[in-house]
């Protein structure tokens, strides 16, 4: 089981499941971060615990603590 937060710069994976609940889950759904979506890790931020991802032609910054709730395969 690999989490979104474990992706390194230049790595690509597909969302298997979203475990987060509440407002964060709704936000992920709005961004298109749902099972079957391909995600590409663009870069790690200078700020600890923040990475940018390419999700459906949009660049999104997500904190590692939130990205832990997204499971990849």
PDB file of N, CA and C in Angstrom:
ATOM      1  N   UNK A   1       0.851  -1.174   0.000  1.00  0.00           N
ATOM      2  CA  UNK A   1       0.000   0.000   0.000  1.00  0.00           C
ATOM      3  C   UNK A   1       0.898   1.239   0.000  1.00  0.00           C
ATOM      4  N   UNK A   2       0.836   2.018  -1.060  1.00  0.00           N
ATOM      5  CA  UNK A   2       1.649   3.224  -1.180  1.00  0.00           C
ATOM      6  C   UNK A   2       0.759   4.451  -1.057  1.00  0.00           C
ATOM      7  N   UNK A   3       1.207   5.431  -0.303  1.00  0.00           N
ATOM      8  CA  UNK A   3       0.447   6.657  -0.098  1.00  0.00           C
ATOM      9  C   UNK A   3       0.928   7.745  -1.062  1.00  0.00           C
ATOM     10  N   UNK A   4       0.053   8.675  -1.366  1.00  0.00           N
ATOM     11  CA  UNK A   4       0.404   9.783  -2.244  1.00  0.00           C
ATOM     12  C   UNK A   4       1.612  10.548  -1.712  1.00  0.00           C
ATOM     13  N   UNK A   5       1.702  10.703  -0.421  1.00  0.00           N
ATOM     14  CA  UNK A   5       2.817  11.446   0.178  1.00  0.00           C
ATOM     15  C   UNK A   5       4.165  10.773  -0.062  1.00  0.00           C
ATOM     16  N   UNK A   6       4.166   9.479  -0.424  1.00  0.00           N
ATOM     17  CA  UNK A   6       5.409   8.745  -0.649  1.00  0.00           C
ATOM     18  C   UNK A   6       5.965   8.920  -2.066  1.00  0.00           C
ATOM     19  N   UNK A   7       5.178   9.515  -2.968  1.00  0.00           N
ATOM     20  CA  UNK A   7       5.686   9.741  -4.324  1.00  0.00           C
ATOM     21  C   UNK A   7       6.871  10.699  -4.273  1.00  0.00           C
ATOM     22  N   UNK A   8       7.865  10.426  -5.093  1.00  0.00           N
ATOM     23  CA  UNK A   8       9.004  11.314  -5.190  1.00  0.00           C
ATOM     24  C   UNK A   8       8.924  12.090  -6.502  1.00  0.00           C
ATOM     25  N   UNK A   9       9.682  13.147  -6.590  1.00  0.00           N
ATOM     26  CA  UNK A   9       9.659  13.993  -7.776  1.00  0.00           C
ATOM     27  C   UNK A   9       9.892  13.176  -9.043  1.00  0.00           C
ATOM     28  N   UNK A  10       9.008  13.351 -10.025  1.00  0.00           N
ATOM     29  CA  UNK A  10       9.111  12.644 -11.290  1.00  0.00           C
ATOM     30  C   UNK A  10       8.410  11.300 -11.330  1.00  0.00           C
ATOM     31  N   UNK A  11       7.820  10.885 -10.228  1.00  0.00           N
ATOM     32  CA  UNK A  11       7.138   9.587 -10.161  1.00  0.00           C
ATOM     33  C   UNK A  11       5.644   9.750 -10.450  1.00  0.00           C
ATOM     34  N   UNK A  12       5.084   8.736 -11.110  1.00  0.00           N
ATOM     35  CA  UNK A  12       3.674   8.743 -11.490  1.00  0.00           C
ATOM     36  C   UNK A  12       2.994   7.513 -10.899  1.00  0.00           C
ATOM     37  N   UNK A  13       1.728   7.658 -10.516  1.00  0.00           N
ATOM     38  CA  UNK A  13       0.948   6.532  -9.990  1.00  0.00           C
ATOM     39  C   UNK A  13      -0.532   6.812 -10.215  1.00  0.00           C
ATOM     40  N   UNK A  14      -1.349   5.812  -9.917  1.00  0.00           N
ATOM     41  CA  UNK A  14      -2.797   5.921 -10.079  1.00  0.00           C
ATOM     42  C   UNK A  14      -3.472   5.765  -8.722  1.00  0.00           C
ATOM     43  N   UNK A  15      -4.484   6.595  -8.486  1.00  0.00           N
ATOM     44  CA  UNK A  15      -5.219   6.560  -7.218  1.00  0.00           C
ATOM     45  C   UNK A  15      -6.029   5.269  -7.141  1.00  0.00           C
ATOM     46  N   UNK A  16      -5.889   4.578  -6.016  1.00  0.00           N
ATOM     47  CA  UNK A  16      -6.636   3.357  -5.754  1.00  0.00           C
ATOM     48  C   UNK A  16      -7.834   3.634  -4.850  1.00  0.00           C
ATOM     49  N   UNK A  17      -7.606   4.463  -3.818  1.00  0.00           N
ATOM     50  CA  UNK A  17      -8.651   4.735  -2.838  1.00  0.00           C
ATOM     51  C   UNK A  17      -8.351   6.045  -2.122  1.00  0.00           C
ATOM     52  N   UNK A  18      -9.388   6.733  -1.673  1.00  0.00           N
ATOM     53  CA  UNK A  18      -9.234   7.950  -0.880  1.00  0.00           C
ATOM     54  C   UNK A  18      -9.843   7.674   0.486  1.00  0.00           C
ATOM     55  N   UNK A  19      -8.989   7.675   1.513  1.00  0.00           N
ATOM     56  CA  UNK A  19      -9.421   7.319   2.864  1.00  0.00           C
ATOM     57  C   UNK A  19      -9.833   8.515   3.710  1.00  0.00           C
ATOM     58  N   UNK A  20      -9.469   9.720   3.291  1.00  0.00           N
ATOM     59  CA  UNK A  20      -9.827  10.901   4.071  1.00  0.00           C
ATOM     60  C   UNK A  20     -11.342  11.084   4.098  1.00  0.00           C
ATOM     61  N   UNK A  21     -11.802  11.818   5.091  1.00  0.00           N
ATOM     62  CA  UNK A  21     -13.243  12.036   5.284  1.00  0.00           C
ATOM     63  C   UNK A  21     -13.537  13.534   5.352  1.00  0.00           C
ATOM     64  N   UNK A  22     -14.791  13.867   5.334  1.00  0.00           N
ATOM     65  CA  UNK A  22     -15.237  15.239   5.547  1.00  0.00           C
ATOM     66  C   UNK A  22     -14.843  16.199   4.449  1.00  0.00           C
ATOM     67  N   UNK A  23     -14.459  17.402   4.865  1.00  0.00           N
ATOM     68  CA  UNK A  23     -14.157  18.487   3.935  1.00  0.00           C
ATOM     69  C   UNK A  23     -12.974  18.161   3.024  1.00  0.00           C
ATOM     70  N   UNK A  24     -11.967  17.486   3.556  1.00  0.00           N
ATOM     71  CA  UNK A  24     -10.799  17.161   2.735  1.00  0.00           C
ATOM     72  C   UNK A  24     -11.169  16.153   1.643  1.00  0.00           C
ATOM     73  N   UNK A  25     -12.004  15.210   1.954  1.00  0.00           N
ATOM     74  CA  UNK A  25     -12.447  14.235   0.947  1.00  0.00           C
ATOM     75  C   UNK A  25     -13.221  14.941  -0.167  1.00  0.00           C
ATOM     76  N   UNK A  26     -14.107  15.854   0.218  1.00  0.00           N
ATOM     77  CA  UNK A  26     -14.863  16.616  -0.783  1.00  0.00           C
ATOM     78  C   UNK A  26     -13.925  17.452  -1.645  1.00  0.00           C
ATOM     79  N   UNK A  27     -12.930  18.050  -1.027  1.00  0.00           N
ATOM     80  CA  UNK A  27     -11.962  18.869  -1.769  1.00  0.00           C
ATOM     81  C   UNK A  27     -11.192  18.013  -2.767  1.00  0.00           C
ATOM     82  N   UNK A  28     -10.753  16.832  -2.329  1.00  0.00           N
ATOM     83  CA  UNK A  28     -10.053  15.929  -3.241  1.00  0.00           C
ATOM     84  C   UNK A  28     -10.955  15.538  -4.408  1.00  0.00           C
ATOM     85  N   UNK A  29     -12.215  15.274  -4.134  1.00  0.00           N
ATOM     86  CA  UNK A  29     -13.150  14.921  -5.202  1.00  0.00           C
ATOM     87  C   UNK A  29     -13.316  16.073  -6.185  1.00  0.00           C
ATOM     88  N   UNK A  30     -13.411  17.295  -5.687  1.00  0.00           N
ATOM     89  CA  UNK A  30     -13.525  18.473  -6.541  1.00  0.00           C
ATOM     90  C   UNK A  30     -12.302  18.639  -7.439  1.00  0.00           C
ATOM     91  N   UNK A  31     -11.133  18.255  -6.926  1.00  0.00           N
ATOM     92  CA  UNK A  31      -9.897  18.359  -7.700  1.00  0.00           C
ATOM     93  C   UNK A  31      -9.743  17.215  -8.693  1.00  0.00           C
ATOM     94  N   UNK A  32     -10.629  16.214  -8.602  1.00  0.00           N
ATOM     95  CA  UNK A  32     -10.541  15.059  -9.492  1.00  0.00           C
ATOM     96  C   UNK A  32      -9.668  13.953  -8.944  1.00  0.00           C
ATOM     97  N   UNK A  33      -9.319  14.043  -7.678  1.00  0.00           N
ATOM     98  CA  UNK A  33      -8.479  13.034  -7.035  1.00  0.00           C
ATOM     99  C   UNK A  33      -9.374  11.904  -6.536  1.00  0.00           C
ATOM    100  N   UNK A  34      -9.756  11.038  -7.455  1.00  0.00           N
ATOM    101  CA  UNK A  34     -10.661   9.916  -7.191  1.00  0.00           C
ATOM    102  C   UNK A  34     -10.026   8.644  -7.742  1.00  0.00           C
ATOM    103  N   UNK A  35     -10.510   7.464  -7.328  1.00  0.00           N
ATOM    104  CA  UNK A  35      -9.946   6.223  -7.852  1.00  0.00           C
ATOM    105  C   UNK A  35      -9.895   6.208  -9.385  1.00  0.00           C
ATOM    106  N   UNK A  36      -8.732   5.790  -9.896  1.00  0.00           N
ATOM    107  CA  UNK A  36      -8.516   5.720 -11.334  1.00  0.00           C
ATOM    108  C   UNK A  36      -7.785   6.925 -11.903  1.00  0.00           C
ATOM    109  N   UNK A  37      -7.641   7.985 -11.114  1.00  0.00           N
ATOM    110  CA  UNK A  37      -6.966   9.194 -11.583  1.00  0.00           C
ATOM    111  C   UNK A  37      -5.453   9.019 -11.520  1.00  0.00           C
ATOM    112  N   UNK A  38      -4.775   9.430 -12.582  1.00  0.00           N
ATOM    113  CA  UNK A  38      -3.315   9.376 -12.615  1.00  0.00           C
ATOM    114  C   UNK A  38      -2.758  10.648 -11.984  1.00  0.00           C
ATOM    115  N   UNK A  39      -1.729  10.486 -11.156  1.00  0.00           N
ATOM    116  CA  UNK A  39      -1.117  11.591 -10.433  1.00  0.00           C
ATOM    117  C   UNK A  39       0.383  11.582 -10.707  1.00  0.00           C
ATOM    118  N   UNK A  40       0.943  12.762 -10.968  1.00  0.00           N
ATOM    119  CA  UNK A  40       2.373  12.899 -11.230  1.00  0.00           C
ATOM    120  C   UNK A  40       2.952  13.874 -10.218  1.00  0.00           C
ATOM    121  N   UNK A  41       3.989  13.469  -9.499  1.00  0.00           N
ATOM    122  CA  UNK A  41       4.629  14.344  -8.508  1.00  0.00           C
ATOM    123  C   UNK A  41       5.619  15.259  -9.225  1.00  0.00           C
ATOM    124  N   UNK A  42       5.344  16.549  -9.200  1.00  0.00           N
ATOM    125  CA  UNK A  42       6.189  17.514  -9.888  1.00  0.00           C
ATOM    126  C   UNK A  42       7.410  17.897  -9.070  1.00  0.00           C
ATOM    127  N   UNK A  43       7.191  18.282  -7.823  1.00  0.00           N
ATOM    128  CA  UNK A  43       8.324  18.685  -7.002  1.00  0.00           C
ATOM    129  C   UNK A  43       7.960  18.767  -5.533  1.00  0.00           C
ATOM    130  N   UNK A  44       8.991  18.696  -4.725  1.00  0.00           N
ATOM    131  CA  UNK A  44       8.841  18.886  -3.289  1.00  0.00           C
ATOM    132  C   UNK A  44       9.118  20.352  -2.998  1.00  0.00           C
ATOM    133  N   UNK A  45       8.311  20.951  -2.180  1.00  0.00           N
ATOM    134  CA  UNK A  45       8.455  22.359  -1.848  1.00  0.00           C
ATOM    135  C   UNK A  45       9.638  22.579  -0.910  1.00  0.00           C
ATOM    136  N   UNK A  46      10.070  23.823  -0.858  1.00  0.00           N
ATOM    137  CA  UNK A  46      11.115  24.191   0.102  1.00  0.00           C
ATOM    138  C   UNK A  46      10.569  24.094   1.520  1.00  0.00           C
ATOM    139  N   UNK A  47       9.253  24.230   1.630  1.00  0.00           N
ATOM    140  CA  UNK A  47       8.610  24.097   2.933  1.00  0.00           C
ATOM    141  C   UNK A  47       8.422  22.619   3.235  1.00  0.00           C
ATOM    142  N   UNK A  48       8.743  22.222   4.424  1.00  0.00           N
ATOM    143  CA  UNK A  48       8.651  20.821   4.825  1.00  0.00           C
ATOM    144  C   UNK A  48       7.211  20.310   4.731  1.00  0.00           C
ATOM    145  N   UNK A  49       7.068  19.132   4.117  1.00  0.00           N
ATOM    146  CA  UNK A  49       5.773  18.477   4.096  1.00  0.00           C
ATOM    147  C   UNK A  49       4.810  18.960   3.041  1.00  0.00           C
ATOM    148  N   UNK A  50       5.292  19.577   1.965  1.00  0.00           N
ATOM    149  CA  UNK A  50       4.412  20.068   0.914  1.00  0.00           C
ATOM    150  C   UNK A  50       4.982  19.667  -0.442  1.00  0.00           C
ATOM    151  N   UNK A  51       4.131  19.095  -1.302  1.00  0.00           N
ATOM    152  CA  UNK A  51       4.559  18.698  -2.645  1.00  0.00           C
ATOM    153  C   UNK A  51       3.536  19.188  -3.653  1.00  0.00           C
ATOM    154  N   UNK A  52       3.983  19.387  -4.887  1.00  0.00           N
ATOM    155  CA  UNK A  52       3.049  19.753  -5.947  1.00  0.00           C
ATOM    156  C   UNK A  52       2.849  18.551  -6.864  1.00  0.00           C
ATOM    157  N   UNK A  53       1.611  18.370  -7.292  1.00  0.00           N
ATOM    158  CA  UNK A  53       1.218  17.231  -8.115  1.00  0.00           C
ATOM    159  C   UNK A  53       0.474  17.726  -9.347  1.00  0.00           C
ATOM    160  N   UNK A  54       0.635  17.016 -10.446  1.00  0.00           N
ATOM    161  CA  UNK A  54      -0.147  17.264 -11.636  1.00  0.00           C
ATOM    162  C   UNK A  54      -1.315  16.294 -11.601  1.00  0.00           C
ATOM    163  N   UNK A  55      -2.523  16.859 -11.513  1.00  0.00           N
ATOM    164  CA  UNK A  55      -3.751  16.064 -11.431  1.00  0.00           C
ATOM    165  C   UNK A  55      -4.710  16.604 -12.483  1.00  0.00           C
ATOM    166  N   UNK A  56      -4.976  15.816 -13.500  1.00  0.00           N
ATOM    167  CA  UNK A  56      -5.913  16.217 -14.570  1.00  0.00           C
ATOM    168  C   UNK A  56      -5.610  17.609 -15.111  1.00  0.00           C
ATOM    169  N   UNK A  57      -4.381  17.827 -15.548  1.00  0.00           N
ATOM    170  CA  UNK A  57      -3.939  19.084 -16.175  1.00  0.00           C
ATOM    171  C   UNK A  57      -3.935  20.293 -15.238  1.00  0.00           C
ATOM    172  N   UNK A  58      -3.980  20.064 -13.943  1.00  0.00           N
ATOM    173  CA  UNK A  58      -3.892  21.146 -12.965  1.00  0.00           C
ATOM    174  C   UNK A  58      -2.774  20.831 -11.977  1.00  0.00           C
ATOM    175  N   UNK A  59      -2.017  21.842 -11.591  1.00  0.00           N
ATOM    176  CA  UNK A  59      -0.963  21.674 -10.594  1.00  0.00           C
ATOM    177  C   UNK A  59      -1.544  22.029  -9.233  1.00  0.00           C
ATOM    178  N   UNK A  60      -1.463  21.066  -8.319  1.00  0.00           N
ATOM    179  CA  UNK A  60      -2.058  21.206  -6.997  1.00  0.00           C
ATOM    180  C   UNK A  60      -0.990  20.930  -5.933  1.00  0.00           C
ATOM    181  N   UNK A  61      -0.890  21.811  -4.933  1.00  0.00           N
ATOM    182  CA  UNK A  61       0.009  21.592  -3.801  1.00  0.00           C
ATOM    183  C   UNK A  61      -0.787  20.943  -2.677  1.00  0.00           C
ATOM    184  N   UNK A  62      -0.249  19.844  -2.142  1.00  0.00           N
ATOM    185  CA  UNK A  62      -0.940  19.110  -1.079  1.00  0.00           C
ATOM    186  C   UNK A  62       0.063  18.813   0.040  1.00  0.00           C
ATOM    187  N   UNK A  63      -0.361  19.055   1.262  1.00  0.00           N
ATOM    188  CA  UNK A  63       0.485  18.735   2.418  1.00  0.00           C
ATOM    189  C   UNK A  63       0.580  17.222   2.568  1.00  0.00           C
ATOM    190  N   UNK A  64       1.741  16.746   3.007  1.00  0.00           N
ATOM    191  CA  UNK A  64       1.945  15.310   3.191  1.00  0.00           C
ATOM    192  C   UNK A  64       0.927  14.707   4.146  1.00  0.00           C
ATOM    193  N   UNK A  65       0.557  15.432   5.184  1.00  0.00           N
ATOM    194  CA  UNK A  65      -0.397  14.884   6.159  1.00  0.00           C
ATOM    195  C   UNK A  65      -1.761  14.642   5.509  1.00  0.00           C
ATOM    196  N   UNK A  66      -2.133  15.457   4.526  1.00  0.00           N
ATOM    197  CA  UNK A  66      -3.389  15.241   3.806  1.00  0.00           C
ATOM    198  C   UNK A  66      -3.217  14.161   2.739  1.00  0.00           C
ATOM    199  N   UNK A  67      -2.049  14.146   2.093  1.00  0.00           N
ATOM    200  CA  UNK A  67      -1.765  13.161   1.043  1.00  0.00           C
ATOM    201  C   UNK A  67      -1.666  11.739   1.593  1.00  0.00           C
ATOM    202  N   UNK A  68      -1.455  11.602   2.904  1.00  0.00           N
ATOM    203  CA  UNK A  68      -1.399  10.271   3.520  1.00  0.00           C
ATOM    204  C   UNK A  68      -2.719   9.524   3.390  1.00  0.00           C
ATOM    205  N   UNK A  69      -3.807  10.235   3.170  1.00  0.00           N
ATOM    206  CA  UNK A  69      -5.120   9.621   3.062  1.00  0.00           C
ATOM    207  C   UNK A  69      -5.470   9.138   1.651  1.00  0.00           C
ATOM    208  N   UNK A  70      -4.515   9.285   0.719  1.00  0.00           N
ATOM    209  CA  UNK A  70      -4.751   8.846  -0.663  1.00  0.00           C
ATOM    210  C   UNK A  70      -3.855   7.649  -0.936  1.00  0.00           C
ATOM    211  N   UNK A  71      -4.472   6.524  -1.277  1.00  0.00           N
ATOM    212  CA  UNK A  71      -3.753   5.275  -1.528  1.00  0.00           C
ATOM    213  C   UNK A  71      -3.566   5.073  -3.038  1.00  0.00           C
ATOM    214  N   UNK A  72      -2.385   4.660  -3.423  1.00  0.00           N
ATOM    215  CA  UNK A  72      -2.027   4.486  -4.834  1.00  0.00           C
ATOM    216  C   UNK A  72      -1.756   3.028  -5.157  1.00  0.00           C
ATOM    217  N   UNK A  73      -1.776   2.714  -6.442  1.00  0.00           N
ATOM    218  CA  UNK A  73      -1.292   1.411  -6.910  1.00  0.00           C
ATOM    219  C   UNK A  73      -0.434   1.622  -8.132  1.00  0.00           C
TER     220      UNK A  73
END
